[in-house]
Amino acid sequence: MKRRDLLKISALAGFAATSTQVSANACTTDGTPNQFIPKTAADSKPLDNELAKYPKCPYCGMDRKEHHRTRMLVQYSDDLVDGTCSIHCLSLSLSLNIDREPKTIWGPDYGSNIEPRPLLPVDQLLYLIGADLKHAMTKRSKHSFASADIAKEFQAKHGGTLAKFDDALRESYLDMASDASMIRKNREERRKRAMQQKQG
């Protein structure tokens, strides 16, 4: 399945823009798709000082430096950029910006020892899907590796299936419902704990 087809899948998930550009322009504060346009200025060199420019994931609020092993970055054809914490939130960005063609998508080399993990174009990465490794925003991990040999070492130790980025993106869309339920439950539990601590 081609990447363009994968992006079209997002419409089935209910994330795609449904209004015309005319109606969107008439409702710039809360209309679809304008409310989802990346809020930062166009950036022709998004990798330069990337964590300082895009410190928080715009979809979940998570700290991208803290989650540098799973963070991702997408530069659209108009040079607007979204920096996300994970492939889960990247899939949201691609869905909500359905009329904006991705120019480059970068993912981290999980197998590297450098901190923060270096970002590489996703076409140069191999994904390990479903390994017993912690991942941001999803039950089923989807970690990316620059080295096939290192990816296979992790697979031998932690399980999972090796695949290309397009496969990992497709699986992110398929996992969206269960992941959203998990995230909602986790956040509600955190709110309850915070309330109990405040009252106690």
C-alpha atoms as a PDB file:
ATOM      1  CA  MET A   1       0.000   0.000   0.000  1.00  0.00           C
ATOM      2  CA  LYS A   2       1.405   3.397  -0.973  1.00  0.00           C
ATOM      3  CA  ARG A   3       1.850   6.205   1.517  1.00  0.00           C
ATOM      4  CA  ARG A   4      -0.736   8.368  -0.261  1.00  0.00           C
ATOM      5  CA  ASP A   5      -3.266   5.551   0.206  1.00  0.00           C
ATOM      6  CA  LEU A   6      -2.357   5.256   3.875  1.00  0.00           C
ATOM      7  CA  LEU A   7      -3.011   8.935   4.372  1.00  0.00           C
ATOM      8  CA  LYS A   8      -6.432   8.475   2.808  1.00  0.00           C
ATOM      9  CA  ILE A   9      -7.222   5.840   5.436  1.00  0.00           C
ATOM     10  CA  SER A  10      -7.280   8.627   7.980  1.00  0.00           C
ATOM     11  CA  ALA A  11     -10.544   9.895   6.529  1.00  0.00           C
ATOM     12  CA  LEU A  12     -12.178   6.649   7.651  1.00  0.00           C
ATOM     13  CA  ALA A  13     -10.918   7.269  11.174  1.00  0.00           C
ATOM     14  CA  GLY A  14     -12.817  10.530  11.295  1.00  0.00           C
ATOM     15  CA  PHE A  15      -9.799  12.804  11.449  1.00  0.00           C
ATOM     16  CA  ALA A  16      -9.798  14.182   7.916  1.00  0.00           C
ATOM     17  CA  ALA A  17     -10.964  17.670   7.051  1.00  0.00           C
ATOM     18  CA  THR A  18     -14.523  17.721   5.758  1.00  0.00           C
ATOM     19  CA  SER A  19     -15.203  21.387   5.140  1.00  0.00           C
ATOM     20  CA  THR A  20     -14.164  23.324   2.066  1.00  0.00           C
ATOM     21  CA  GLN A  21     -11.370  25.887   2.142  1.00  0.00           C
ATOM     22  CA  VAL A  22     -13.971  28.633   1.783  1.00  0.00           C
ATOM     23  CA  SER A  23     -15.839  27.597   4.915  1.00  0.00           C
ATOM     24  CA  ALA A  24     -12.559  27.039   6.765  1.00  0.00           C
ATOM     25  CA  ASN A  25     -11.446  30.576   6.001  1.00  0.00           C
ATOM     26  CA  ALA A  26     -14.732  31.862   7.373  1.00  0.00           C
ATOM     27  CA  CYS A  27     -14.073  30.142  10.706  1.00  0.00           C
ATOM     28  CA  THR A  28     -10.386  30.522  11.416  1.00  0.00           C
ATOM     29  CA  THR A  29     -10.504  29.932  15.179  1.00  0.00           C
ATOM     30  CA  ASP A  30     -12.383  26.679  15.439  1.00  0.00           C
ATOM     31  CA  GLY A  31     -13.091  25.474  11.907  1.00  0.00           C
ATOM     32  CA  THR A  32     -11.743  22.376  10.267  1.00  0.00           C
ATOM     33  CA  PRO A  33      -9.091  22.229   8.910  1.00  0.00           C
ATOM     34  CA  ASN A  34      -7.704  25.627   9.955  1.00  0.00           C
ATOM     35  CA  GLN A  35      -7.677  24.877  13.674  1.00  0.00           C
ATOM     36  CA  PHE A  36      -5.275  21.995  13.054  1.00  0.00           C
ATOM     37  CA  ILE A  37      -2.739  23.803  10.878  1.00  0.00           C
ATOM     38  CA  PRO A  38       0.688  23.705  12.589  1.00  0.00           C
ATOM     39  CA  LYS A  39       0.922  26.910  14.636  1.00  0.00           C
ATOM     40  CA  THR A  40       4.639  27.570  14.115  1.00  0.00           C
ATOM     41  CA  ALA A  41       6.050  29.613  11.237  1.00  0.00           C
ATOM     42  CA  ALA A  42       7.230  27.913   8.053  1.00  0.00           C
ATOM     43  CA  ASP A  43      10.609  26.303   8.643  1.00  0.00           C
ATOM     44  CA  SER A  44      12.886  25.327   5.746  1.00  0.00           C
ATOM     45  CA  LYS A  45      15.433  23.702   8.126  1.00  0.00           C
ATOM     46  CA  PRO A  46      13.362  21.897  10.756  1.00  0.00           C
ATOM     47  CA  LEU A  47      16.212  19.703  12.023  1.00  0.00           C
ATOM     48  CA  ASP A  48      18.243  22.733  13.141  1.00  0.00           C
ATOM     49  CA  ASN A  49      17.754  23.090  16.905  1.00  0.00           C
ATOM     50  CA  GLU A  50      14.685  20.898  16.510  1.00  0.00           C
ATOM     51  CA  LEU A  51      13.910  20.165  20.169  1.00  0.00           C
ATOM     52  CA  ALA A  52      14.110  23.849  21.109  1.00  0.00           C
ATOM     53  CA  LYS A  53      11.787  24.860  18.258  1.00  0.00           C
ATOM     54  CA  TYR A  54       9.347  21.979  18.797  1.00  0.00           C
ATOM     55  CA  PRO A  55       9.598  21.130  22.517  1.00  0.00           C
ATOM     56  CA  LYS A  56       6.071  19.824  23.084  1.00  0.00           C
ATOM     57  CA  CYS A  57       3.846  17.530  21.054  1.00  0.00           C
ATOM     58  CA  PRO A  58       0.912  19.685  19.858  1.00  0.00           C
ATOM     59  CA  TYR A  59      -1.508  16.740  20.046  1.00  0.00           C
ATOM     60  CA  CYS A  60      -0.891  15.380  23.538  1.00  0.00           C
ATOM     61  CA  GLY A  61       1.390  17.944  25.193  1.00  0.00           C
ATOM     62  CA  MET A  62       4.174  15.480  25.953  1.00  0.00           C
ATOM     63  CA  ASP A  63       7.765  16.673  26.200  1.00  0.00           C
ATOM     64  CA  ARG A  64       9.589  15.625  23.030  1.00  0.00           C
ATOM     65  CA  LYS A  65      13.021  15.744  24.664  1.00  0.00           C
ATOM     66  CA  GLU A  66      11.831  13.353  27.363  1.00  0.00           C
ATOM     67  CA  HIS A  67      10.436  11.093  24.653  1.00  0.00           C
ATOM     68  CA  HIS A  68      13.322  11.554  22.226  1.00  0.00           C
ATOM     69  CA  ARG A  69      13.482   7.809  21.527  1.00  0.00           C
ATOM     70  CA  THR A  70      10.016   7.884  19.929  1.00  0.00           C
ATOM     71  CA  ARG A  71       9.645  11.485  18.722  1.00  0.00           C
ATOM     72  CA  MET A  72       8.981  12.297  15.087  1.00  0.00           C
ATOM     73  CA  LEU A  73       9.054  15.335  12.834  1.00  0.00           C
ATOM     74  CA  VAL A  74       7.160  16.070   9.618  1.00  0.00           C
ATOM     75  CA  GLN A  75       7.816  18.909   7.188  1.00  0.00           C
ATOM     76  CA  TYR A  76       4.938  19.579   4.817  1.00  0.00           C
ATOM     77  CA  SER A  77       5.250  20.878   1.264  1.00  0.00           C
ATOM     78  CA  ASP A  78       4.568  24.451   2.419  1.00  0.00           C
ATOM     79  CA  ASP A  79       7.386  24.128   5.018  1.00  0.00           C
ATOM     80  CA  LEU A  80       4.976  24.043   7.966  1.00  0.00           C
ATOM     81  CA  VAL A  81       6.340  21.580  10.508  1.00  0.00           C
ATOM     82  CA  ASP A  82       4.832  19.371  13.198  1.00  0.00           C
ATOM     83  CA  GLY A  83       7.048  17.892  15.896  1.00  0.00           C
ATOM     84  CA  THR A  84       5.313  15.001  17.646  1.00  0.00           C
ATOM     85  CA  CYS A  85       6.164  12.684  20.530  1.00  0.00           C
ATOM     86  CA  SER A  86       5.429   9.468  18.650  1.00  0.00           C
ATOM     87  CA  ILE A  87       4.158   7.795  15.508  1.00  0.00           C
ATOM     88  CA  HIS A  88       0.709   7.786  17.158  1.00  0.00           C
ATOM     89  CA  CYS A  89       0.618  11.592  17.221  1.00  0.00           C
ATOM     90  CA  LEU A  90       2.316  11.791  13.824  1.00  0.00           C
ATOM     91  CA  SER A  91      -0.609   9.831  12.397  1.00  0.00           C
ATOM     92  CA  LEU A  92      -2.933  12.492  13.859  1.00  0.00           C
ATOM     93  CA  SER A  93      -0.918  15.238  12.190  1.00  0.00           C
ATOM     94  CA  LEU A  94      -0.983  13.485   8.819  1.00  0.00           C
ATOM     95  CA  SER A  95      -4.731  12.937   9.123  1.00  0.00           C
ATOM     96  CA  LEU A  96      -5.614  16.456  10.175  1.00  0.00           C
ATOM     97  CA  ASN A  97      -3.384  17.950   7.480  1.00  0.00           C
ATOM     98  CA  ILE A  98      -4.811  15.699   4.778  1.00  0.00           C
ATOM     99  CA  ASP A  99      -4.511  18.399   2.083  1.00  0.00           C
ATOM    100  CA  ARG A 100      -0.898  19.169   2.987  1.00  0.00           C
ATOM    101  CA  GLU A 101       1.603  16.845   1.279  1.00  0.00           C
ATOM    102  CA  PRO A 102       4.465  15.625   3.524  1.00  0.00           C
ATOM    103  CA  LYS A 103       7.827  16.688   2.114  1.00  0.00           C
ATOM    104  CA  THR A 104       9.952  14.780   4.635  1.00  0.00           C
ATOM    105  CA  ILE A 105       9.128  12.687   7.696  1.00  0.00           C
ATOM    106  CA  TRP A 106      11.854  11.916  10.222  1.00  0.00           C
ATOM    107  CA  GLY A 107      11.984   9.265  12.927  1.00  0.00           C
ATOM    108  CA  PRO A 108      14.520   8.388  15.645  1.00  0.00           C
ATOM    109  CA  ASP A 109      17.198   5.732  15.550  1.00  0.00           C
ATOM    110  CA  TYR A 110      16.146   3.800  18.643  1.00  0.00           C
ATOM    111  CA  GLY A 111      19.249   1.615  18.400  1.00  0.00           C
ATOM    112  CA  SER A 112      21.664   4.540  18.698  1.00  0.00           C
ATOM    113  CA  ASN A 113      23.510   5.344  21.942  1.00  0.00           C
ATOM    114  CA  ILE A 114      23.421   9.089  21.241  1.00  0.00           C
ATOM    115  CA  GLU A 115      21.079  11.241  23.303  1.00  0.00           C
ATOM    116  CA  PRO A 116      18.838  12.629  22.071  1.00  0.00           C
ATOM    117  CA  ARG A 117      18.437   9.925  19.455  1.00  0.00           C
ATOM    118  CA  PRO A 118      19.287  11.244  15.974  1.00  0.00           C
ATOM    119  CA  LEU A 119      16.440  11.754  13.501  1.00  0.00           C
ATOM    120  CA  LEU A 120      16.614  10.233  10.027  1.00  0.00           C
ATOM    121  CA  PRO A 121      14.189  10.190   7.082  1.00  0.00           C
ATOM    122  CA  VAL A 122      11.741   7.354   7.697  1.00  0.00           C
ATOM    123  CA  ASP A 123      12.589   5.765   4.344  1.00  0.00           C
ATOM    124  CA  GLN A 124      16.020   4.998   5.833  1.00  0.00           C
ATOM    125  CA  LEU A 125      14.571   3.330   8.935  1.00  0.00           C
ATOM    126  CA  LEU A 126      13.378  -0.179   9.728  1.00  0.00           C
ATOM    127  CA  TYR A 127      10.496  -0.494  12.184  1.00  0.00           C
ATOM    128  CA  LEU A 128      10.068  -3.121  14.882  1.00  0.00           C
ATOM    129  CA  ILE A 129       6.349  -3.442  15.578  1.00  0.00           C
ATOM    130  CA  GLY A 130       4.911  -5.132  18.656  1.00  0.00           C
ATOM    131  CA  ALA A 131       8.108  -5.740  20.634  1.00  0.00           C
ATOM    132  CA  ASP A 132       7.916  -5.772  24.447  1.00  0.00           C
ATOM    133  CA  LEU A 133       9.504  -2.320  24.580  1.00  0.00           C
ATOM    134  CA  LYS A 134       7.842   0.725  26.121  1.00  0.00           C
ATOM    135  CA  HIS A 135       6.565   3.250  23.606  1.00  0.00           C
ATOM    136  CA  ALA A 136       4.813   6.612  23.874  1.00  0.00           C
ATOM    137  CA  MET A 137       1.044   6.810  23.333  1.00  0.00           C
ATOM    138  CA  THR A 138       0.453   3.231  22.198  1.00  0.00           C
ATOM    139  CA  LYS A 139       0.082  -0.261  23.647  1.00  0.00           C
ATOM    140  CA  ARG A 140       1.838  -1.842  20.673  1.00  0.00           C
ATOM    141  CA  SER A 141       5.338  -0.431  20.276  1.00  0.00           C
ATOM    142  CA  LYS A 142       6.629   0.769  16.909  1.00  0.00           C
ATOM    143  CA  HIS A 143      10.334   1.558  17.259  1.00  0.00           C
ATOM    144  CA  SER A 144      12.562   2.624  14.356  1.00  0.00           C
ATOM    145  CA  PHE A 145      16.160   1.597  13.657  1.00  0.00           C
ATOM    146  CA  ALA A 146      18.795   2.835  11.228  1.00  0.00           C
ATOM    147  CA  SER A 147      20.626  -0.515  11.325  1.00  0.00           C
ATOM    148  CA  ALA A 148      18.862  -3.689  10.206  1.00  0.00           C
ATOM    149  CA  ASP A 149      21.324  -5.757  12.233  1.00  0.00           C
ATOM    150  CA  ILE A 150      20.563  -3.867  15.456  1.00  0.00           C
ATOM    151  CA  ALA A 151      16.832  -4.081  14.728  1.00  0.00           C
ATOM    152  CA  LYS A 152      17.177  -7.859  14.386  1.00  0.00           C
ATOM    153  CA  GLU A 153      19.087  -8.022  17.687  1.00  0.00           C
ATOM    154  CA  PHE A 154      16.238  -6.191  19.417  1.00  0.00           C
ATOM    155  CA  GLN A 155      13.725  -8.458  17.685  1.00  0.00           C
ATOM    156  CA  ALA A 156      15.526 -11.579  18.925  1.00  0.00           C
ATOM    157  CA  LYS A 157      15.437 -10.248  22.489  1.00  0.00           C
ATOM    158  CA  HIS A 158      12.071  -8.484  22.577  1.00  0.00           C
ATOM    159  CA  GLY A 159       9.973 -10.050  19.807  1.00  0.00           C
ATOM    160  CA  GLY A 160       7.952  -8.118  17.263  1.00  0.00           C
ATOM    161  CA  THR A 161       7.804  -7.886  13.489  1.00  0.00           C
ATOM    162  CA  LEU A 162      10.156  -5.957  11.222  1.00  0.00           C
ATOM    163  CA  ALA A 163       8.547  -3.643   8.692  1.00  0.00           C
ATOM    164  CA  LYS A 164       8.861  -0.422   6.738  1.00  0.00           C
ATOM    165  CA  PHE A 165       7.510   2.960   7.855  1.00  0.00           C
ATOM    166  CA  ASP A 166       4.334   2.690   5.761  1.00  0.00           C
ATOM    167  CA  ASP A 167       3.473  -0.545   7.578  1.00  0.00           C
ATOM    168  CA  ALA A 168       4.106   1.064  10.971  1.00  0.00           C
ATOM    169  CA  LEU A 169       1.922   4.023   9.982  1.00  0.00           C
ATOM    170  CA  ARG A 170      -0.884   1.706   8.888  1.00  0.00           C
ATOM    171  CA  GLU A 171      -0.661  -0.190  12.189  1.00  0.00           C
ATOM    172  CA  SER A 172      -0.817   3.127  14.067  1.00  0.00           C
ATOM    173  CA  TYR A 173      -4.135   3.897  12.388  1.00  0.00           C
ATOM    174  CA  LEU A 174      -5.407   0.407  13.155  1.00  0.00           C
ATOM    175  CA  ASP A 175      -4.383   0.813  16.816  1.00  0.00           C
ATOM    176  CA  MET A 176      -5.931   4.275  17.158  1.00  0.00           C
ATOM    177  CA  ALA A 177      -9.171   3.245  18.884  1.00  0.00           C
ATOM    178  CA  SER A 178      -7.546   1.070  21.546  1.00  0.00           C
ATOM    179  CA  ASP A 179      -4.713   3.554  22.063  1.00  0.00           C
ATOM    180  CA  ALA A 180      -7.126   6.464  22.517  1.00  0.00           C
ATOM    181  CA  SER A 181      -9.053   4.456  25.115  1.00  0.00           C
ATOM    182  CA  MET A 182      -5.822   3.609  26.926  1.00  0.00           C
ATOM    183  CA  ILE A 183      -4.647   7.233  26.939  1.00  0.00           C
ATOM    184  CA  ARG A 184      -8.044   8.443  28.210  1.00  0.00           C
ATOM    185  CA  LYS A 185      -7.992   5.885  31.031  1.00  0.00           C
ATOM    186  CA  ASN A 186      -4.407   6.735  32.017  1.00  0.00           C
ATOM    187  CA  ARG A 187      -5.127  10.458  32.106  1.00  0.00           C
ATOM    188  CA  GLU A 188      -8.259   9.984  34.176  1.00  0.00           C
ATOM    189  CA  GLU A 189      -6.290   7.905  36.688  1.00  0.00           C
ATOM    190  CA  ARG A 190      -3.635  10.629  36.898  1.00  0.00           C
ATOM    191  CA  ARG A 191      -6.312  13.262  37.484  1.00  0.00           C
ATOM    192  CA  LYS A 192      -7.818  11.170  40.289  1.00  0.00           C
ATOM    193  CA  ARG A 193      -4.421  10.676  41.951  1.00  0.00           C
ATOM    194  CA  ALA A 194      -3.682  14.377  41.701  1.00  0.00           C
ATOM    195  CA  MET A 195      -7.071  15.202  43.265  1.00  0.00           C
ATOM    196  CA  GLN A 196      -6.503  12.730  46.097  1.00  0.00           C
ATOM    197  CA  GLN A 197      -3.074  14.183  46.817  1.00  0.00           C
ATOM    198  CA  LYS A 198      -4.536  17.673  46.830  1.00  0.00           C
ATOM    199  CA  GLN A 199      -7.297  16.657  49.234  1.00  0.00           C
ATOM    200  CA  GLY A 200      -5.031  14.532  51.421  1.00  0.00           C
END
